C-alpha cells in the first residue's frame, strides 16, 4: 500500500490496483490534480475534510470516482446534486475490489457542542485505519494508523494514548496542516519518540510525501 499525503487529511491511497482519495479539504489544492481516482472517502463535513469546490474539481477530473461517506456529509452532497453511497456503522462492503469497513462516531469535542458532527472512520483493505477526527477503537489488529497529531481538539497526551490503545504496527501523522515547519518537527518528533518506546513505528509524512506501507 502506497500513501501520499496532501495538506491536512487528504490521502491518496494506492492499494490492490486502485486509487482512493480521503477527505479533500481546504488546506491543500494538490489533490485537485490527481487523476484515475476510483473511490473518495469522506469522514465528516468540516471544511478541512470536505471542501466542496475542490471535490467538484476532483469529480470533474475523475467522473468515474464513487464517493463513500456518512449521512451527515450526504445531506450536503444531496444539496449539491452529487451522488454518493452511505457506509453505515459496522457495515462491511467491497468497492472496486477493495474491502471497506465503517466505524461511526462523533467528532472529538472542540468546545462544548461546537463542531460536534457525525464522524465515520474507515478501515481500508484490512491494512489502513483512518479514524477522521475521532478516537475510534476498531477492535481489531491495525497494521497502519493515520494518526491525528494536532488541531484545536487534539491534545498530544490523548493522541498518544489513543495510538497506544489501537496499537498499530506503524502510524503516520495527519491533521497537522496548521503547523509551521518548526511545529511539525517538534510534534512529529514527540510522537516518534513516545510511540517508538511502545514498539510502534512512526513515519513522519509531511505534505506531498509518499511512503510504501
C-alpha atoms as a PDB file:
ATOM      1  CA  UNK A   1       0.000   0.000   0.000  1.00  0.00           C
ATOM      2  CA  UNK A   2       1.379   3.382  -1.070  1.00  0.00           C
ATOM      3  CA  UNK A   3       0.135   6.521   0.702  1.00  0.00           C
ATOM      4  CA  UNK A   4       0.671  10.115  -0.407  1.00  0.00           C
ATOM      5  CA  UNK A   5      -0.327  12.947   1.926  1.00  0.00           C
ATOM      6  CA  UNK A   6      -1.837  16.246   0.797  1.00  0.00           C
ATOM      7  CA  UNK A   7      -2.342  19.041   3.324  1.00  0.00           C
ATOM      8  CA  UNK A   8      -4.428  18.226   6.384  1.00  0.00           C
ATOM      9  CA  UNK A   9      -6.048  14.815   5.952  1.00  0.00           C
ATOM     10  CA  UNK A  10      -6.250  14.222   2.221  1.00  0.00           C
ATOM     11  CA  UNK A  11      -4.555  10.931   1.412  1.00  0.00           C
ATOM     12  CA  UNK A  12      -4.040   9.220  -1.918  1.00  0.00           C
ATOM     13  CA  UNK A  13      -4.068   5.523  -1.129  1.00  0.00           C
ATOM     14  CA  UNK A  14      -2.899   3.117  -3.812  1.00  0.00           C
ATOM     15  CA  UNK A  15      -3.795  -0.468  -2.986  1.00  0.00           C
ATOM     16  CA  UNK A  16      -4.983  -3.574  -4.840  1.00  0.00           C
ATOM     17  CA  UNK A  17      -4.521  -1.736  -8.115  1.00  0.00           C
ATOM     18  CA  UNK A  18      -6.990   1.009  -7.074  1.00  0.00           C
ATOM     19  CA  UNK A  19      -6.612   4.674  -6.139  1.00  0.00           C
ATOM     20  CA  UNK A  20      -8.550   6.007  -3.151  1.00  0.00           C
ATOM     21  CA  UNK A  21      -8.710   9.632  -2.008  1.00  0.00           C
ATOM     22  CA  UNK A  22      -9.729  10.685   1.505  1.00  0.00           C
ATOM     23  CA  UNK A  23     -11.100  13.994   2.808  1.00  0.00           C
ATOM     24  CA  UNK A  24     -10.327  16.595   0.133  1.00  0.00           C
ATOM     25  CA  UNK A  25     -10.153  19.626   2.422  1.00  0.00           C
ATOM     26  CA  UNK A  26      -9.360  23.320   2.097  1.00  0.00           C
ATOM     27  CA  UNK A  27      -5.737  23.223   3.289  1.00  0.00           C
ATOM     28  CA  UNK A  28      -4.409  21.820   0.018  1.00  0.00           C
ATOM     29  CA  UNK A  29      -5.116  22.106  -3.697  1.00  0.00           C
ATOM     30  CA  UNK A  30      -2.695  19.383  -4.820  1.00  0.00           C
ATOM     31  CA  UNK A  31      -5.459  16.783  -4.682  1.00  0.00           C
ATOM     32  CA  UNK A  32      -7.346  18.682  -7.388  1.00  0.00           C
ATOM     33  CA  UNK A  33      -4.833  17.482  -9.990  1.00  0.00           C
ATOM     34  CA  UNK A  34      -4.900  13.780  -9.088  1.00  0.00           C
ATOM     35  CA  UNK A  35      -6.282  11.540 -11.830  1.00  0.00           C
ATOM     36  CA  UNK A  36      -7.560   7.953 -12.081  1.00  0.00           C
ATOM     37  CA  UNK A  37      -9.304   8.029  -8.699  1.00  0.00           C
ATOM     38  CA  UNK A  38     -11.648   5.099  -8.068  1.00  0.00           C
ATOM     39  CA  UNK A  39     -13.058   5.975  -4.626  1.00  0.00           C
ATOM     40  CA  UNK A  40     -13.389   9.082  -2.459  1.00  0.00           C
ATOM     41  CA  UNK A  41     -13.924   8.562   1.278  1.00  0.00           C
ATOM     42  CA  UNK A  42     -15.171  11.486   3.384  1.00  0.00           C
ATOM     43  CA  UNK A  43     -15.207  11.164   7.171  1.00  0.00           C
ATOM     44  CA  UNK A  44     -17.146  14.309   8.118  1.00  0.00           C
ATOM     45  CA  UNK A  45     -18.364  17.693   6.973  1.00  0.00           C
ATOM     46  CA  UNK A  46     -15.819  20.150   8.389  1.00  0.00           C
ATOM     47  CA  UNK A  47     -14.151  22.250   5.675  1.00  0.00           C
ATOM     48  CA  UNK A  48     -10.662  20.902   6.342  1.00  0.00           C
ATOM     49  CA  UNK A  49     -12.057  17.499   5.336  1.00  0.00           C
ATOM     50  CA  UNK A  50     -14.767  18.451   2.854  1.00  0.00           C
ATOM     51  CA  UNK A  51     -14.067  21.439   0.624  1.00  0.00           C
ATOM     52  CA  UNK A  52     -16.909  21.248  -1.858  1.00  0.00           C
ATOM     53  CA  UNK A  53     -15.186  23.370  -4.518  1.00  0.00           C
ATOM     54  CA  UNK A  54     -12.201  21.028  -4.531  1.00  0.00           C
ATOM     55  CA  UNK A  55     -14.467  17.992  -4.527  1.00  0.00           C
ATOM     56  CA  UNK A  56     -16.271  19.256  -7.623  1.00  0.00           C
ATOM     57  CA  UNK A  57     -12.957  19.786  -9.442  1.00  0.00           C
ATOM     58  CA  UNK A  58     -11.856  16.289  -8.469  1.00  0.00           C
ATOM     59  CA  UNK A  59     -15.107  14.813  -9.757  1.00  0.00           C
ATOM     60  CA  UNK A  60     -14.817  16.777 -13.000  1.00  0.00           C
ATOM     61  CA  UNK A  61     -11.357  15.263 -13.482  1.00  0.00           C
ATOM     62  CA  UNK A  62     -12.456  11.808 -12.299  1.00  0.00           C
ATOM     63  CA  UNK A  63     -16.092  11.272 -13.366  1.00  0.00           C
ATOM     64  CA  UNK A  64     -15.784   7.544 -12.634  1.00  0.00           C
ATOM     65  CA  UNK A  65     -14.955   8.104  -8.953  1.00  0.00           C
ATOM     66  CA  UNK A  66     -17.507   6.928  -6.384  1.00  0.00           C
ATOM     67  CA  UNK A  67     -17.980   8.760  -3.074  1.00  0.00           C
ATOM     68  CA  UNK A  68     -18.496   6.782   0.142  1.00  0.00           C
ATOM     69  CA  UNK A  69     -19.433   8.703   3.280  1.00  0.00           C
ATOM     70  CA  UNK A  70     -21.976   9.085   6.085  1.00  0.00           C
ATOM     71  CA  UNK A  71     -25.445  10.637   6.346  1.00  0.00           C
ATOM     72  CA  UNK A  72     -24.142  13.978   7.667  1.00  0.00           C
ATOM     73  CA  UNK A  73     -21.910  14.575   4.663  1.00  0.00           C
ATOM     74  CA  UNK A  74     -24.580  13.056   2.448  1.00  0.00           C
ATOM     75  CA  UNK A  75     -27.006  15.891   3.229  1.00  0.00           C
ATOM     76  CA  UNK A  76     -24.509  18.411   1.879  1.00  0.00           C
ATOM     77  CA  UNK A  77     -23.784  16.347  -1.223  1.00  0.00           C
ATOM     78  CA  UNK A  78     -27.509  15.892  -1.890  1.00  0.00           C
ATOM     79  CA  UNK A  79     -27.963  19.671  -1.913  1.00  0.00           C
ATOM     80  CA  UNK A  80     -25.165  19.904  -4.487  1.00  0.00           C
ATOM     81  CA  UNK A  81     -26.578  17.107  -6.626  1.00  0.00           C
ATOM     82  CA  UNK A  82     -23.519  14.910  -6.089  1.00  0.00           C
ATOM     83  CA  UNK A  83     -24.215  11.153  -5.882  1.00  0.00           C
ATOM     84  CA  UNK A  84     -22.746   9.108  -3.046  1.00  0.00           C
ATOM     85  CA  UNK A  85     -23.073   5.834  -1.145  1.00  0.00           C
ATOM     86  CA  UNK A  86     -23.537   5.619   2.620  1.00  0.00           C
ATOM     87  CA  UNK A  87     -21.458   3.150   4.585  1.00  0.00           C
ATOM     88  CA  UNK A  88     -23.183   2.637   7.934  1.00  0.00           C
ATOM     89  CA  UNK A  89     -21.837   1.580  11.323  1.00  0.00           C
ATOM     90  CA  UNK A  90     -20.360  -1.938  11.352  1.00  0.00           C
ATOM     91  CA  UNK A  91     -21.174  -2.372   7.668  1.00  0.00           C
ATOM     92  CA  UNK A  92     -18.538  -4.036   5.549  1.00  0.00           C
ATOM     93  CA  UNK A  93     -18.555  -3.742   1.782  1.00  0.00           C
ATOM     94  CA  UNK A  94     -16.283  -4.204  -1.181  1.00  0.00           C
ATOM     95  CA  UNK A  95     -15.890  -1.279  -3.546  1.00  0.00           C
ATOM     96  CA  UNK A  96     -13.833  -1.642  -6.710  1.00  0.00           C
ATOM     97  CA  UNK A  97     -12.334  -4.796  -5.245  1.00  0.00           C
ATOM     98  CA  UNK A  98     -11.200  -3.044  -2.031  1.00  0.00           C
ATOM     99  CA  UNK A  99     -12.598  -4.056   1.367  1.00  0.00           C
ATOM    100  CA  UNK A 100     -14.069  -1.163   3.375  1.00  0.00           C
ATOM    101  CA  UNK A 101     -15.455  -1.107   6.895  1.00  0.00           C
ATOM    102  CA  UNK A 102     -17.096   1.879   8.588  1.00  0.00           C
ATOM    103  CA  UNK A 103     -16.789   2.897  12.240  1.00  0.00           C
ATOM    104  CA  UNK A 104     -19.259   5.619  13.181  1.00  0.00           C
ATOM    105  CA  UNK A 105     -18.630   8.049  15.988  1.00  0.00           C
ATOM    106  CA  UNK A 106     -18.704  11.721  16.876  1.00  0.00           C
ATOM    107  CA  UNK A 107     -16.070  14.363  16.293  1.00  0.00           C
ATOM    108  CA  UNK A 108     -13.878  14.925  19.350  1.00  0.00           C
ATOM    109  CA  UNK A 109     -15.059  17.938  21.361  1.00  0.00           C
ATOM    110  CA  UNK A 110     -13.561  21.262  20.340  1.00  0.00           C
ATOM    111  CA  UNK A 111     -15.528  23.378  22.810  1.00  0.00           C
ATOM    112  CA  UNK A 112     -18.935  22.404  24.204  1.00  0.00           C
ATOM    113  CA  UNK A 113     -21.181  21.489  21.260  1.00  0.00           C
ATOM    114  CA  UNK A 114     -19.270  23.479  18.632  1.00  0.00           C
ATOM    115  CA  UNK A 115     -18.433  21.258  15.662  1.00  0.00           C
ATOM    116  CA  UNK A 116     -19.854  18.065  17.159  1.00  0.00           C
ATOM    117  CA  UNK A 117     -20.769  16.321  13.933  1.00  0.00           C
ATOM    118  CA  UNK A 118     -21.005  12.732  12.801  1.00  0.00           C
ATOM    119  CA  UNK A 119     -17.568  11.286  12.066  1.00  0.00           C
ATOM    120  CA  UNK A 120     -17.024   7.983  10.300  1.00  0.00           C
ATOM    121  CA  UNK A 121     -13.678   6.219  10.363  1.00  0.00           C
ATOM    122  CA  UNK A 122     -12.729   3.813   7.603  1.00  0.00           C
ATOM    123  CA  UNK A 123     -10.752   0.571   7.650  1.00  0.00           C
ATOM    124  CA  UNK A 124      -9.302   0.213   4.163  1.00  0.00           C
ATOM    125  CA  UNK A 125      -8.155  -3.040   2.558  1.00  0.00           C
ATOM    126  CA  UNK A 126      -7.621  -4.574   6.028  1.00  0.00           C
ATOM    127  CA  UNK A 127      -4.429  -2.512   6.292  1.00  0.00           C
ATOM    128  CA  UNK A 128      -5.102   1.154   6.980  1.00  0.00           C
ATOM    129  CA  UNK A 129      -7.366   2.614   9.653  1.00  0.00           C
ATOM    130  CA  UNK A 130      -8.223   6.261   9.134  1.00  0.00           C
ATOM    131  CA  UNK A 131     -10.368   7.462  12.070  1.00  0.00           C
ATOM    132  CA  UNK A 132     -11.025  11.019  10.900  1.00  0.00           C
ATOM    133  CA  UNK A 133     -11.334  13.410  13.838  1.00  0.00           C
ATOM    134  CA  UNK A 134     -12.324  10.862  16.456  1.00  0.00           C
ATOM    135  CA  UNK A 135     -10.546   8.450  18.765  1.00  0.00           C
ATOM    136  CA  UNK A 136     -12.372   5.410  17.445  1.00  0.00           C
ATOM    137  CA  UNK A 137     -11.175   1.967  18.513  1.00  0.00           C
ATOM    138  CA  UNK A 138     -11.693  -0.523  15.682  1.00  0.00           C
ATOM    139  CA  UNK A 139     -11.376  -3.544  17.962  1.00  0.00           C
ATOM    140  CA  UNK A 140      -9.169  -5.433  15.519  1.00  0.00           C
ATOM    141  CA  UNK A 141      -5.488  -5.507  14.559  1.00  0.00           C
ATOM    142  CA  UNK A 142      -4.375  -2.374  12.709  1.00  0.00           C
ATOM    143  CA  UNK A 143      -1.257  -2.611  10.537  1.00  0.00           C
ATOM    144  CA  UNK A 144      -1.216   1.126   9.711  1.00  0.00           C
ATOM    145  CA  UNK A 145      -2.894   4.014  11.562  1.00  0.00           C
ATOM    146  CA  UNK A 146      -3.458   7.525  10.179  1.00  0.00           C
ATOM    147  CA  UNK A 147      -2.985   9.335  13.480  1.00  0.00           C
ATOM    148  CA  UNK A 148      -4.294  12.880  14.134  1.00  0.00           C
ATOM    149  CA  UNK A 149      -1.483  14.810  15.816  1.00  0.00           C
ATOM    150  CA  UNK A 150      -2.582  18.440  16.029  1.00  0.00           C
ATOM    151  CA  UNK A 151      -5.582  20.755  15.998  1.00  0.00           C
ATOM    152  CA  UNK A 152      -7.935  22.647  18.320  1.00  0.00           C
ATOM    153  CA  UNK A 153      -9.343  19.380  19.670  1.00  0.00           C
ATOM    154  CA  UNK A 154      -6.172  17.294  19.651  1.00  0.00           C
ATOM    155  CA  UNK A 155      -4.066  17.083  22.814  1.00  0.00           C
ATOM    156  CA  UNK A 156      -0.749  15.268  22.443  1.00  0.00           C
ATOM    157  CA  UNK A 157      -1.219  13.074  25.514  1.00  0.00           C
ATOM    158  CA  UNK A 158      -4.683  11.967  24.350  1.00  0.00           C
ATOM    159  CA  UNK A 159      -3.463  11.259  20.823  1.00  0.00           C
ATOM    160  CA  UNK A 160      -0.540   9.193  22.118  1.00  0.00           C
ATOM    161  CA  UNK A 161      -2.867   7.291  24.459  1.00  0.00           C
ATOM    162  CA  UNK A 162      -5.173   6.638  21.508  1.00  0.00           C
ATOM    163  CA  UNK A 163      -2.320   5.248  19.431  1.00  0.00           C
ATOM    164  CA  UNK A 164      -1.262   3.010  22.310  1.00  0.00           C
ATOM    165  CA  UNK A 165      -4.823   1.659  22.588  1.00  0.00           C
ATOM    166  CA  UNK A 166      -5.059   0.930  18.863  1.00  0.00           C
ATOM    167  CA  UNK A 167      -1.503  -0.456  18.916  1.00  0.00           C
ATOM    168  CA  UNK A 168      -0.779  -0.338  15.174  1.00  0.00           C
ATOM    169  CA  UNK A 169       2.401  -1.717  13.690  1.00  0.00           C
ATOM    170  CA  UNK A 170       3.016   1.644  12.023  1.00  0.00           C
ATOM    171  CA  UNK A 171       1.487   5.106  12.281  1.00  0.00           C
ATOM    172  CA  UNK A 172       1.828   8.325  10.334  1.00  0.00           C
ATOM    173  CA  UNK A 173       0.599  11.865  11.096  1.00  0.00           C
ATOM    174  CA  UNK A 174      -2.486  13.593   9.750  1.00  0.00           C
ATOM    175  CA  UNK A 175      -4.298  16.759  10.821  1.00  0.00           C
ATOM    176  CA  UNK A 176      -1.183  18.919  11.057  1.00  0.00           C
ATOM    177  CA  UNK A 177      -1.541  21.423   8.200  1.00  0.00           C
ATOM    178  CA  UNK A 178      -1.816  24.413  10.554  1.00  0.00           C
ATOM    179  CA  UNK A 179       1.690  23.802  11.931  1.00  0.00           C
ATOM    180  CA  UNK A 180       4.720  25.604  10.517  1.00  0.00           C
ATOM    181  CA  UNK A 181       7.947  23.716   9.800  1.00  0.00           C
ATOM    182  CA  UNK A 182       9.235  24.108  13.360  1.00  0.00           C
ATOM    183  CA  UNK A 183       5.909  22.934  14.777  1.00  0.00           C
ATOM    184  CA  UNK A 184       5.852  19.901  12.513  1.00  0.00           C
ATOM    185  CA  UNK A 185       9.417  18.975  13.505  1.00  0.00           C
ATOM    186  CA  UNK A 186       8.534  19.286  17.194  1.00  0.00           C
ATOM    187  CA  UNK A 187       5.224  17.418  17.073  1.00  0.00           C
ATOM    188  CA  UNK A 188       6.398  14.654  14.756  1.00  0.00           C
ATOM    189  CA  UNK A 189       9.498  14.219  16.888  1.00  0.00           C
ATOM    190  CA  UNK A 190       7.477  13.845  20.074  1.00  0.00           C
ATOM    191  CA  UNK A 191       5.174  11.239  18.551  1.00  0.00           C
ATOM    192  CA  UNK A 192       8.116   9.339  17.101  1.00  0.00           C
ATOM    193  CA  UNK A 193       9.839   9.286  20.500  1.00  0.00           C
ATOM    194  CA  UNK A 194       6.843   8.155  22.540  1.00  0.00           C
ATOM    195  CA  UNK A 195       5.483   5.607  20.076  1.00  0.00           C
ATOM    196  CA  UNK A 196       8.896   4.052  19.463  1.00  0.00           C
ATOM    197  CA  UNK A 197       9.069   3.284  23.185  1.00  0.00           C
ATOM    198  CA  UNK A 198       5.993   1.091  22.663  1.00  0.00           C
ATOM    199  CA  UNK A 199       7.238  -0.628  19.501  1.00  0.00           C
ATOM    200  CA  UNK A 200       5.115   1.456  17.124  1.00  0.00           C
ATOM    201  CA  UNK A 201       6.993   2.780  14.106  1.00  0.00           C
ATOM    202  CA  UNK A 202       6.084   6.414  13.424  1.00  0.00           C
ATOM    203  CA  UNK A 203       6.585   7.539   9.811  1.00  0.00           C
ATOM    204  CA  UNK A 204       6.690  11.381   9.776  1.00  0.00           C
ATOM    205  CA  UNK A 205       4.910  12.125   6.496  1.00  0.00           C
ATOM    206  CA  UNK A 206       4.673  15.791   5.520  1.00  0.00           C
ATOM    207  CA  UNK A 207       2.643  17.485   2.813  1.00  0.00           C
ATOM    208  CA  UNK A 208       3.488  15.910  -0.541  1.00  0.00           C
ATOM    209  CA  UNK A 209       5.372  12.954   0.956  1.00  0.00           C
ATOM    210  CA  UNK A 210       4.711   9.346  -0.068  1.00  0.00           C
ATOM    211  CA  UNK A 211       5.534   6.080   1.667  1.00  0.00           C
ATOM    212  CA  UNK A 212       5.104   2.378   0.996  1.00  0.00           C
ATOM    213  CA  UNK A 213       3.482   0.573   3.929  1.00  0.00           C
END
